[in-house]
């Protein structure tokens, strides 16, 4: 795969069918996501719109083909968690191993840092058999560190899975944090 024409841009609700095509195999064939059923296009449109109210939702594409996407969302609904964001990246099967995830995360982290987010948090489902897991290695390479494991936290395909949390500090914590900025307030800085 040649990525000469790779572009990263902001997602729109019109991208929902193509993003859903990337996401659906993860739902149907893996425990990487704990969803049981593939969402409808309408539900995915709502998710994209909901994220964009506050956070970045990025799409990587080349020659009109969506190769992957990454976004941030609130880590937890309680106000005191507001300076933490959960981050997610999904790549099309043919796009893995080409540095697209790294490029998406690099831009996502820069945007979140500009917004004032202190911690980026990734929730990962490692395999139960103890084999090496590419997602954990990818996050380590991106500067994440292990933050904890919840055993038997997800039940899918008739078996239990653990959830691993990894975190990356984007901004130093302070006693008097400045208010967070929305994605719309910072996106022009990144040409988005």
N, C-alpha and C. Protein backbone atom coordinates (compact mmCIF):
# COMPACT_ATOMS: atom_id res chain seq x y z
N UNK A 1 0.86 -1.18 0.00
CA UNK A 1 0.00 0.00 0.00
C UNK A 1 0.90 1.24 0.00
N UNK A 2 0.67 2.13 -0.94
CA UNK A 2 1.39 3.38 -1.02
C UNK A 2 0.57 4.47 -0.37
N UNK A 3 1.18 5.22 0.55
CA UNK A 3 0.45 6.23 1.30
C UNK A 3 0.88 7.64 0.93
N UNK A 4 1.30 7.82 -0.31
CA UNK A 4 1.75 9.13 -0.76
C UNK A 4 0.65 10.17 -0.59
N UNK A 5 -0.57 9.79 -0.85
CA UNK A 5 -1.69 10.73 -0.82
C UNK A 5 -2.50 10.66 0.48
N UNK A 6 -1.89 10.19 1.56
CA UNK A 6 -2.60 10.09 2.83
C UNK A 6 -2.93 11.49 3.36
N UNK A 7 -4.18 11.68 3.72
CA UNK A 7 -4.60 12.92 4.36
C UNK A 7 -5.35 12.56 5.63
N UNK A 8 -5.23 13.45 6.61
CA UNK A 8 -6.00 13.31 7.84
C UNK A 8 -6.86 14.55 7.94
N UNK A 9 -8.13 14.33 8.15
CA UNK A 9 -9.09 15.44 8.20
C UNK A 9 -10.10 15.18 9.30
N UNK A 10 -10.92 16.18 9.56
CA UNK A 10 -11.99 16.04 10.54
C UNK A 10 -13.13 15.21 9.95
N UNK A 11 -13.65 14.31 10.73
CA UNK A 11 -14.80 13.51 10.30
C UNK A 11 -16.05 14.38 10.22
N UNK A 12 -16.99 13.96 9.42
CA UNK A 12 -18.33 14.56 9.38
C UNK A 12 -19.34 13.43 9.53
N UNK A 13 -20.57 13.78 9.82
CA UNK A 13 -21.60 12.74 9.94
C UNK A 13 -21.79 12.00 8.62
N UNK A 14 -21.48 12.63 7.51
CA UNK A 14 -21.59 11.97 6.21
C UNK A 14 -20.59 10.83 6.05
N UNK A 15 -19.55 10.80 6.89
CA UNK A 15 -18.57 9.71 6.86
C UNK A 15 -19.07 8.44 7.53
N UNK A 16 -20.19 8.50 8.21
CA UNK A 16 -20.65 7.37 9.03
C UNK A 16 -20.64 6.03 8.29
N UNK A 17 -21.18 5.92 7.08
CA UNK A 17 -21.16 4.59 6.43
C UNK A 17 -19.75 4.05 6.20
N UNK A 18 -18.83 4.91 5.81
CA UNK A 18 -17.47 4.44 5.53
C UNK A 18 -16.71 4.12 6.83
N UNK A 19 -16.94 4.90 7.88
CA UNK A 19 -16.31 4.61 9.17
C UNK A 19 -16.89 3.34 9.77
N UNK A 20 -18.17 3.17 9.59
CA UNK A 20 -18.84 1.96 10.09
C UNK A 20 -18.31 0.71 9.38
N UNK A 21 -17.96 0.84 8.11
CA UNK A 21 -17.38 -0.29 7.37
C UNK A 21 -16.02 -0.69 7.97
N UNK A 22 -15.27 0.27 8.47
CA UNK A 22 -14.00 -0.02 9.15
C UNK A 22 -14.28 -0.67 10.51
N UNK A 23 -15.27 -0.17 11.22
CA UNK A 23 -15.55 -0.60 12.60
C UNK A 23 -16.25 -1.96 12.68
N UNK A 24 -17.15 -2.25 11.74
CA UNK A 24 -17.99 -3.45 11.82
C UNK A 24 -17.21 -4.74 12.03
N UNK A 25 -16.10 -5.00 11.33
CA UNK A 25 -15.37 -6.25 11.58
C UNK A 25 -14.85 -6.39 13.01
N UNK A 26 -14.54 -5.27 13.65
CA UNK A 26 -14.09 -5.31 15.04
C UNK A 26 -15.23 -5.78 15.96
N UNK A 27 -16.45 -5.34 15.65
CA UNK A 27 -17.61 -5.75 16.44
C UNK A 27 -17.92 -7.22 16.20
N UNK A 28 -17.92 -7.60 14.93
CA UNK A 28 -18.38 -8.94 14.55
C UNK A 28 -17.37 -10.05 14.85
N UNK A 29 -16.06 -9.72 14.85
CA UNK A 29 -15.06 -10.78 14.92
C UNK A 29 -14.04 -10.66 16.04
N UNK A 30 -14.10 -9.58 16.83
CA UNK A 30 -13.11 -9.39 17.89
C UNK A 30 -13.75 -8.92 19.19
N UNK A 31 -12.97 -8.98 20.25
CA UNK A 31 -13.38 -8.39 21.53
C UNK A 31 -12.67 -7.07 21.75
N UNK A 32 -12.09 -6.51 20.69
CA UNK A 32 -11.44 -5.20 20.80
C UNK A 32 -12.46 -4.16 21.22
N UNK A 33 -13.68 -4.29 20.73
CA UNK A 33 -14.79 -3.49 21.24
C UNK A 33 -15.76 -4.45 21.93
N UNK A 34 -16.39 -3.99 22.96
CA UNK A 34 -17.33 -4.83 23.70
C UNK A 34 -18.76 -4.71 23.18
N UNK A 35 -18.95 -4.05 22.06
CA UNK A 35 -20.29 -4.03 21.47
C UNK A 35 -20.60 -5.40 20.89
N UNK A 36 -21.85 -5.82 21.02
CA UNK A 36 -22.28 -7.11 20.48
C UNK A 36 -22.78 -6.98 19.04
N UNK A 37 -23.45 -5.87 18.74
CA UNK A 37 -24.07 -5.68 17.43
C UNK A 37 -23.51 -4.44 16.76
N UNK A 38 -23.34 -4.51 15.45
CA UNK A 38 -22.86 -3.37 14.69
C UNK A 38 -23.91 -2.27 14.77
N UNK A 39 -23.52 -1.05 15.13
CA UNK A 39 -24.49 0.05 15.20
C UNK A 39 -25.06 0.37 13.82
N UNK A 40 -26.20 1.01 13.80
CA UNK A 40 -26.78 1.46 12.54
C UNK A 40 -26.03 2.70 12.07
N UNK A 41 -26.20 3.04 10.82
CA UNK A 41 -25.58 4.26 10.29
C UNK A 41 -26.09 5.47 11.07
N UNK A 42 -27.37 5.49 11.36
CA UNK A 42 -27.96 6.59 12.11
C UNK A 42 -27.33 6.74 13.49
N UNK A 43 -27.12 5.63 14.19
CA UNK A 43 -26.47 5.67 15.50
C UNK A 43 -25.04 6.16 15.38
N UNK A 44 -24.34 5.71 14.34
CA UNK A 44 -22.96 6.13 14.15
C UNK A 44 -22.88 7.62 13.83
N UNK A 45 -23.84 8.13 13.08
CA UNK A 45 -23.90 9.57 12.80
C UNK A 45 -24.03 10.35 14.10
N UNK A 46 -24.89 9.87 14.99
CA UNK A 46 -25.08 10.53 16.29
C UNK A 46 -23.80 10.50 17.13
N UNK A 47 -23.09 9.39 17.07
CA UNK A 47 -21.83 9.28 17.82
C UNK A 47 -20.80 10.28 17.31
N UNK A 48 -20.68 10.38 16.00
CA UNK A 48 -19.72 11.33 15.42
C UNK A 48 -20.08 12.75 15.84
N UNK A 49 -21.34 13.11 15.68
CA UNK A 49 -21.80 14.46 16.05
C UNK A 49 -21.57 14.72 17.53
N UNK A 50 -21.82 13.71 18.36
CA UNK A 50 -21.63 13.87 19.80
C UNK A 50 -20.18 14.12 20.17
N UNK A 51 -19.27 13.39 19.54
CA UNK A 51 -17.84 13.59 19.81
C UNK A 51 -17.42 14.99 19.39
N UNK A 52 -17.83 15.40 18.19
CA UNK A 52 -17.38 16.67 17.63
C UNK A 52 -17.88 17.89 18.41
N UNK A 53 -18.86 17.70 19.29
CA UNK A 53 -19.30 18.83 20.13
C UNK A 53 -18.18 19.32 21.03
N UNK A 54 -17.23 18.44 21.32
CA UNK A 54 -16.17 18.80 22.26
C UNK A 54 -14.78 18.33 21.85
N UNK A 55 -14.70 17.19 21.20
CA UNK A 55 -13.43 16.54 20.95
C UNK A 55 -13.16 16.33 19.46
N UNK A 56 -11.91 16.02 19.11
CA UNK A 56 -11.58 15.72 17.72
C UNK A 56 -12.04 14.32 17.31
N UNK A 57 -12.45 14.22 16.07
CA UNK A 57 -12.78 12.94 15.43
C UNK A 57 -12.10 13.01 14.07
N UNK A 58 -11.04 12.23 13.88
CA UNK A 58 -10.17 12.34 12.72
C UNK A 58 -10.30 11.14 11.80
N UNK A 59 -10.20 11.39 10.51
CA UNK A 59 -10.28 10.34 9.49
C UNK A 59 -8.99 10.37 8.66
N UNK A 60 -8.42 9.19 8.43
CA UNK A 60 -7.27 9.05 7.54
C UNK A 60 -7.77 8.42 6.24
N UNK A 61 -7.43 9.05 5.12
CA UNK A 61 -7.85 8.49 3.85
C UNK A 61 -6.77 8.73 2.80
N UNK A 62 -6.80 7.89 1.79
CA UNK A 62 -5.90 8.03 0.65
C UNK A 62 -6.69 7.72 -0.60
N UNK A 63 -6.62 8.60 -1.56
CA UNK A 63 -7.33 8.43 -2.82
C UNK A 63 -8.82 8.13 -2.61
N UNK A 64 -9.41 8.82 -1.64
CA UNK A 64 -10.84 8.68 -1.36
C UNK A 64 -11.23 7.47 -0.54
N UNK A 65 -10.27 6.60 -0.19
CA UNK A 65 -10.56 5.41 0.61
C UNK A 65 -10.26 5.69 2.07
N UNK A 66 -11.24 5.47 2.94
CA UNK A 66 -11.04 5.63 4.38
C UNK A 66 -10.21 4.45 4.88
N UNK A 67 -9.06 4.77 5.48
CA UNK A 67 -8.15 3.74 5.97
C UNK A 67 -8.22 3.57 7.48
N UNK A 68 -8.78 4.57 8.17
CA UNK A 68 -8.89 4.47 9.61
C UNK A 68 -9.39 5.76 10.20
N UNK A 69 -9.62 5.72 11.50
CA UNK A 69 -10.08 6.91 12.21
C UNK A 69 -9.67 6.84 13.67
N UNK A 70 -9.63 8.00 14.29
CA UNK A 70 -9.31 8.09 15.71
C UNK A 70 -10.12 9.23 16.30
N UNK A 71 -10.47 9.09 17.56
CA UNK A 71 -11.22 10.15 18.22
C UNK A 71 -10.98 10.10 19.71
N UNK A 72 -11.41 11.15 20.37
CA UNK A 72 -11.36 11.22 21.83
C UNK A 72 -12.78 11.42 22.34
N UNK A 73 -13.00 11.02 23.57
CA UNK A 73 -14.31 11.16 24.20
C UNK A 73 -14.09 11.31 25.70
N UNK A 74 -15.11 11.75 26.41
CA UNK A 74 -14.93 11.85 27.87
C UNK A 74 -14.56 10.49 28.46
N UNK A 75 -13.62 10.49 29.37
CA UNK A 75 -13.24 9.25 30.05
C UNK A 75 -14.33 8.81 31.02
N UNK A 76 -14.96 9.77 31.66
CA UNK A 76 -16.01 9.48 32.64
C UNK A 76 -16.93 10.69 32.70
N UNK A 77 -18.17 10.46 33.05
CA UNK A 77 -19.16 11.54 33.05
C UNK A 77 -18.98 12.54 34.20
N UNK A 78 -18.36 12.16 35.30
CA UNK A 78 -18.22 13.07 36.43
C UNK A 78 -17.30 14.23 36.10
N UNK A 79 -17.63 15.41 36.58
CA UNK A 79 -16.93 16.64 36.22
C UNK A 79 -15.44 16.60 36.54
N UNK A 80 -15.07 16.00 37.66
CA UNK A 80 -13.66 16.00 38.06
C UNK A 80 -12.77 15.20 37.10
N UNK A 81 -13.38 14.33 36.29
CA UNK A 81 -12.63 13.58 35.29
C UNK A 81 -12.46 14.38 33.99
N UNK A 82 -12.93 15.60 33.95
CA UNK A 82 -12.98 16.38 32.72
C UNK A 82 -11.66 16.61 32.02
N UNK A 83 -10.55 16.52 32.74
CA UNK A 83 -9.25 16.74 32.12
C UNK A 83 -8.62 15.44 31.59
N UNK A 84 -9.41 14.37 31.60
CA UNK A 84 -9.00 13.09 31.02
C UNK A 84 -9.86 12.81 29.80
N UNK A 85 -9.27 12.21 28.79
CA UNK A 85 -10.02 11.83 27.59
C UNK A 85 -9.67 10.40 27.22
N UNK A 86 -10.68 9.63 26.88
CA UNK A 86 -10.45 8.28 26.37
C UNK A 86 -10.19 8.39 24.87
N UNK A 87 -9.16 7.72 24.41
CA UNK A 87 -8.79 7.78 22.99
C UNK A 87 -8.98 6.43 22.33
N UNK A 88 -9.31 6.47 21.05
CA UNK A 88 -9.60 5.25 20.30
C UNK A 88 -9.09 5.41 18.88
N UNK A 89 -8.57 4.32 18.34
CA UNK A 89 -8.17 4.30 16.93
C UNK A 89 -8.60 2.97 16.32
N UNK A 90 -9.14 3.03 15.12
CA UNK A 90 -9.52 1.84 14.36
C UNK A 90 -8.97 1.98 12.95
N UNK A 91 -8.38 0.90 12.44
CA UNK A 91 -7.84 0.90 11.09
C UNK A 91 -8.49 -0.19 10.26
N UNK A 92 -8.66 0.09 8.97
CA UNK A 92 -9.11 -0.94 8.05
C UNK A 92 -8.06 -2.04 8.02
N UNK A 93 -8.49 -3.26 7.76
CA UNK A 93 -7.56 -4.39 7.80
C UNK A 93 -6.36 -4.20 6.87
N UNK A 94 -6.59 -3.65 5.70
CA UNK A 94 -5.50 -3.46 4.74
C UNK A 94 -4.61 -2.26 5.08
N UNK A 95 -4.96 -1.51 6.12
CA UNK A 95 -4.20 -0.31 6.49
C UNK A 95 -3.28 -0.52 7.68
N UNK A 96 -3.34 -1.67 8.30
CA UNK A 96 -2.52 -1.92 9.48
C UNK A 96 -1.05 -2.09 9.10
N UNK A 97 -0.17 -1.61 9.97
CA UNK A 97 1.26 -1.78 9.77
C UNK A 97 1.91 -0.78 8.83
N UNK A 98 1.21 0.29 8.53
CA UNK A 98 1.74 1.32 7.61
C UNK A 98 1.96 2.67 8.29
N UNK A 99 1.84 2.73 9.62
CA UNK A 99 2.07 3.98 10.34
C UNK A 99 0.88 4.91 10.39
N UNK A 100 -0.26 4.46 9.91
CA UNK A 100 -1.46 5.31 9.88
C UNK A 100 -1.97 5.58 11.29
N UNK A 101 -1.99 4.55 12.12
CA UNK A 101 -2.42 4.72 13.51
C UNK A 101 -1.53 5.71 14.24
N UNK A 102 -0.23 5.62 14.01
CA UNK A 102 0.72 6.55 14.62
C UNK A 102 0.44 7.99 14.18
N UNK A 103 0.18 8.17 12.90
CA UNK A 103 -0.10 9.52 12.41
C UNK A 103 -1.41 10.07 12.98
N UNK A 104 -2.42 9.23 13.05
CA UNK A 104 -3.69 9.66 13.64
C UNK A 104 -3.50 10.04 15.10
N UNK A 105 -2.83 9.18 15.87
CA UNK A 105 -2.64 9.45 17.29
C UNK A 105 -1.74 10.67 17.53
N UNK A 106 -0.73 10.85 16.71
CA UNK A 106 0.15 12.00 16.88
C UNK A 106 -0.64 13.29 16.76
N UNK A 107 -1.49 13.39 15.76
CA UNK A 107 -2.33 14.58 15.60
C UNK A 107 -3.37 14.67 16.71
N UNK A 108 -4.00 13.56 17.04
CA UNK A 108 -5.01 13.55 18.11
C UNK A 108 -4.40 14.04 19.41
N UNK A 109 -3.22 13.55 19.77
CA UNK A 109 -2.55 13.98 21.00
C UNK A 109 -2.24 15.48 20.98
N UNK A 110 -1.76 15.98 19.85
CA UNK A 110 -1.44 17.40 19.75
C UNK A 110 -2.69 18.26 19.95
N UNK A 111 -3.80 17.83 19.38
CA UNK A 111 -5.05 18.58 19.54
C UNK A 111 -5.51 18.54 20.99
N UNK A 112 -5.50 17.35 21.60
CA UNK A 112 -5.93 17.23 23.00
C UNK A 112 -5.05 18.05 23.92
N UNK A 113 -3.76 18.07 23.64
CA UNK A 113 -2.84 18.88 24.44
C UNK A 113 -3.23 20.36 24.34
N UNK A 114 -3.50 20.80 23.14
CA UNK A 114 -3.91 22.20 22.93
C UNK A 114 -5.23 22.50 23.62
N UNK A 115 -6.11 21.53 23.70
CA UNK A 115 -7.39 21.72 24.39
C UNK A 115 -7.20 21.84 25.90
N UNK A 116 -6.09 21.30 26.41
CA UNK A 116 -5.83 21.35 27.84
C UNK A 116 -6.00 20.01 28.55
N UNK A 117 -6.21 18.94 27.80
CA UNK A 117 -6.36 17.61 28.39
C UNK A 117 -5.05 17.22 29.08
N UNK A 118 -5.16 16.67 30.28
CA UNK A 118 -3.99 16.24 31.04
C UNK A 118 -3.62 14.81 30.69
N UNK A 119 -4.59 13.90 30.72
CA UNK A 119 -4.31 12.48 30.49
C UNK A 119 -5.14 11.91 29.35
N UNK A 120 -4.47 11.24 28.42
CA UNK A 120 -5.15 10.43 27.41
C UNK A 120 -5.17 9.01 27.94
N UNK A 121 -6.31 8.35 27.85
CA UNK A 121 -6.48 7.02 28.42
C UNK A 121 -6.98 6.08 27.33
N UNK A 122 -6.31 4.95 27.19
CA UNK A 122 -6.72 3.93 26.23
C UNK A 122 -7.23 2.71 26.99
N UNK A 123 -8.36 2.19 26.57
CA UNK A 123 -8.94 0.97 27.14
C UNK A 123 -8.71 -0.15 26.13
N UNK A 124 -7.99 -1.19 26.52
CA UNK A 124 -7.53 -2.22 25.60
C UNK A 124 -7.97 -3.59 26.10
N UNK A 125 -8.37 -4.46 25.17
CA UNK A 125 -8.74 -5.83 25.50
C UNK A 125 -7.61 -6.75 25.07
N UNK A 126 -6.76 -7.19 26.01
CA UNK A 126 -5.68 -8.10 25.64
C UNK A 126 -6.20 -9.53 25.53
N UNK A 127 -5.51 -10.39 24.79
CA UNK A 127 -5.93 -11.79 24.72
C UNK A 127 -5.71 -12.49 26.06
N UNK A 128 -6.52 -13.46 26.37
CA UNK A 128 -6.43 -14.18 27.64
C UNK A 128 -5.24 -15.13 27.70
N UNK A 129 -4.72 -15.53 26.56
CA UNK A 129 -3.66 -16.55 26.55
C UNK A 129 -2.27 -16.00 26.81
N UNK A 130 -2.15 -14.71 27.08
CA UNK A 130 -0.87 -14.12 27.43
C UNK A 130 0.05 -13.82 26.27
N UNK A 131 -0.41 -14.07 25.04
CA UNK A 131 0.46 -13.77 23.90
C UNK A 131 0.63 -12.26 23.74
N UNK A 132 1.66 -11.87 23.02
CA UNK A 132 1.90 -10.45 22.79
C UNK A 132 0.70 -9.83 22.08
N UNK A 133 0.43 -8.60 22.44
CA UNK A 133 -0.75 -7.96 21.87
C UNK A 133 -0.34 -6.66 21.19
N UNK A 134 -0.53 -6.55 19.88
CA UNK A 134 -0.07 -5.37 19.14
C UNK A 134 -0.59 -4.04 19.67
N UNK A 135 -1.83 -3.99 20.15
CA UNK A 135 -2.37 -2.71 20.62
C UNK A 135 -1.60 -2.19 21.82
N UNK A 136 -1.25 -3.07 22.74
CA UNK A 136 -0.48 -2.63 23.90
C UNK A 136 0.90 -2.15 23.48
N UNK A 137 1.54 -2.84 22.56
CA UNK A 137 2.86 -2.43 22.07
C UNK A 137 2.76 -1.09 21.33
N UNK A 138 1.71 -0.95 20.53
CA UNK A 138 1.50 0.32 19.81
C UNK A 138 1.38 1.47 20.80
N UNK A 139 0.57 1.31 21.83
CA UNK A 139 0.39 2.38 22.81
C UNK A 139 1.68 2.66 23.58
N UNK A 140 2.43 1.62 23.90
CA UNK A 140 3.73 1.84 24.56
C UNK A 140 4.64 2.68 23.66
N UNK A 141 4.68 2.36 22.39
CA UNK A 141 5.51 3.12 21.45
C UNK A 141 5.04 4.57 21.34
N UNK A 142 3.76 4.80 21.57
CA UNK A 142 3.19 6.15 21.52
C UNK A 142 3.33 6.88 22.85
N UNK A 143 4.04 6.28 23.81
CA UNK A 143 4.31 6.95 25.07
C UNK A 143 3.35 6.64 26.20
N UNK A 144 2.50 5.65 26.02
CA UNK A 144 1.55 5.26 27.08
C UNK A 144 2.24 4.31 28.06
N UNK A 145 1.75 4.33 29.28
CA UNK A 145 2.23 3.41 30.30
C UNK A 145 1.03 2.65 30.89
N UNK A 146 1.32 1.47 31.38
CA UNK A 146 0.30 0.62 31.99
C UNK A 146 -0.28 1.32 33.21
N UNK A 147 -1.61 1.38 33.31
CA UNK A 147 -2.26 2.03 34.44
C UNK A 147 -3.12 1.08 35.26
N UNK A 148 -3.44 -0.08 34.72
CA UNK A 148 -4.24 -1.03 35.48
C UNK A 148 -4.94 -2.05 34.60
N UNK A 149 -5.43 -3.08 35.26
CA UNK A 149 -6.12 -4.16 34.57
C UNK A 149 -7.35 -4.55 35.38
N UNK A 150 -8.47 -4.68 34.71
CA UNK A 150 -9.69 -5.18 35.35
C UNK A 150 -9.95 -6.56 34.75
N UNK A 151 -9.85 -7.57 35.58
CA UNK A 151 -10.03 -8.94 35.11
C UNK A 151 -11.50 -9.25 34.89
N UNK A 152 -11.76 -10.06 33.89
CA UNK A 152 -13.10 -10.54 33.59
C UNK A 152 -14.12 -9.40 33.54
N UNK A 153 -13.77 -8.35 32.84
CA UNK A 153 -14.63 -7.16 32.79
C UNK A 153 -15.53 -7.11 31.56
N UNK A 154 -15.25 -7.93 30.56
CA UNK A 154 -16.09 -7.95 29.37
C UNK A 154 -16.43 -9.37 28.97
N UNK A 155 -17.70 -9.62 28.66
CA UNK A 155 -18.14 -10.95 28.27
C UNK A 155 -18.64 -10.88 26.83
N UNK A 156 -17.95 -11.58 25.94
CA UNK A 156 -18.32 -11.56 24.53
C UNK A 156 -17.92 -12.89 23.90
N UNK A 157 -18.70 -13.35 22.95
CA UNK A 157 -18.44 -14.62 22.25
C UNK A 157 -18.39 -15.80 23.23
N UNK A 158 -19.17 -15.69 24.32
CA UNK A 158 -19.25 -16.80 25.26
C UNK A 158 -18.05 -16.96 26.16
N UNK A 159 -17.24 -15.91 26.28
CA UNK A 159 -16.08 -15.99 27.18
C UNK A 159 -15.78 -14.63 27.77
N UNK A 160 -14.94 -14.62 28.80
CA UNK A 160 -14.59 -13.41 29.52
C UNK A 160 -13.27 -12.83 29.03
N UNK A 161 -13.20 -11.50 29.05
CA UNK A 161 -11.99 -10.79 28.66
C UNK A 161 -11.64 -9.77 29.75
N UNK A 162 -10.37 -9.46 29.85
CA UNK A 162 -9.89 -8.41 30.75
C UNK A 162 -9.85 -7.09 30.00
N UNK A 163 -9.78 -6.01 30.74
CA UNK A 163 -9.58 -4.68 30.16
C UNK A 163 -8.32 -4.10 30.78
N UNK A 164 -7.42 -3.64 29.92
CA UNK A 164 -6.20 -2.98 30.36
C UNK A 164 -6.35 -1.49 30.10
N UNK A 165 -5.97 -0.68 31.08
CA UNK A 165 -5.96 0.76 30.92
C UNK A 165 -4.51 1.22 30.78
N UNK A 166 -4.29 2.05 29.78
CA UNK A 166 -2.98 2.67 29.58
C UNK A 166 -3.18 4.17 29.52
N UNK A 167 -2.22 4.92 30.02
CA UNK A 167 -2.37 6.37 30.09
C UNK A 167 -1.13 7.08 29.57
N UNK A 168 -1.36 8.29 29.06
CA UNK A 168 -0.28 9.14 28.59
C UNK A 168 -0.56 10.55 29.07
N UNK A 169 0.42 11.17 29.72
CA UNK A 169 0.27 12.54 30.19
C UNK A 169 0.55 13.48 29.02
N UNK A 170 -0.41 14.35 28.74
CA UNK A 170 -0.28 15.32 27.65
C UNK A 170 0.08 16.71 28.16
N UNK A 171 -0.42 17.05 29.33
CA UNK A 171 -0.15 18.34 29.97
C UNK A 171 0.11 18.09 31.45
N UNK A 172 0.97 18.87 32.06
CA UNK A 172 1.21 18.66 33.49
C UNK A 172 -0.01 19.10 34.30
N UNK A 173 -0.35 18.34 35.32
CA UNK A 173 -1.44 18.76 36.19
C UNK A 173 -1.02 19.97 37.02
N UNK A 174 -1.96 20.83 37.32
CA UNK A 174 -1.67 22.03 38.11
C UNK A 174 -2.82 22.27 39.08
N UNK A 175 -2.57 23.07 40.09
CA UNK A 175 -3.62 23.38 41.06
C UNK A 175 -4.72 24.24 40.47
N UNK A 176 -4.36 25.14 39.60
CA UNK A 176 -5.34 26.05 38.99
C UNK A 176 -5.34 25.85 37.48
N UNK A 177 -6.04 24.80 37.06
CA UNK A 177 -6.07 24.46 35.63
C UNK A 177 -6.90 25.49 34.86
N UNK A 178 -6.41 25.83 33.68
CA UNK A 178 -7.20 26.71 32.82
C UNK A 178 -8.38 25.92 32.28
N UNK A 179 -9.47 26.59 31.95
CA UNK A 179 -10.63 25.87 31.41
C UNK A 179 -10.27 25.14 30.12
N UNK A 180 -10.87 23.99 29.92
CA UNK A 180 -10.65 23.24 28.69
C UNK A 180 -11.23 23.99 27.50
N UNK A 181 -10.59 23.83 26.36
CA UNK A 181 -11.09 24.41 25.13
C UNK A 181 -11.73 23.30 24.30
N UNK A 182 -12.71 23.63 23.51
CA UNK A 182 -13.35 22.63 22.66
C UNK A 182 -12.52 22.42 21.40
N UNK A 183 -12.81 21.36 20.70
CA UNK A 183 -12.13 21.09 19.44
C UNK A 183 -12.34 22.26 18.46
N UNK A 184 -13.55 22.79 18.40
CA UNK A 184 -13.82 23.92 17.50
C UNK A 184 -12.93 25.13 17.82
N UNK A 185 -12.59 25.31 19.09
CA UNK A 185 -11.76 26.44 19.49
C UNK A 185 -10.29 26.28 19.09
N UNK A 186 -9.84 25.06 18.85
CA UNK A 186 -8.42 24.85 18.54
C UNK A 186 -8.16 24.28 17.15
N UNK A 187 -9.17 23.83 16.45
CA UNK A 187 -8.96 23.07 15.22
C UNK A 187 -8.24 23.86 14.13
N UNK A 188 -8.45 25.16 14.06
CA UNK A 188 -7.78 25.95 13.01
C UNK A 188 -6.27 25.95 13.19
N UNK A 189 -5.82 25.83 14.42
CA UNK A 189 -4.39 25.72 14.70
C UNK A 189 -3.76 24.56 13.94
N UNK A 190 -4.56 23.54 13.68
CA UNK A 190 -4.07 22.33 13.02
C UNK A 190 -4.54 22.21 11.58
N UNK A 191 -5.14 23.27 11.07
CA UNK A 191 -5.61 23.26 9.68
C UNK A 191 -6.78 22.34 9.44
N UNK A 192 -7.59 22.13 10.47
CA UNK A 192 -8.73 21.21 10.35
C UNK A 192 -10.05 21.96 10.29
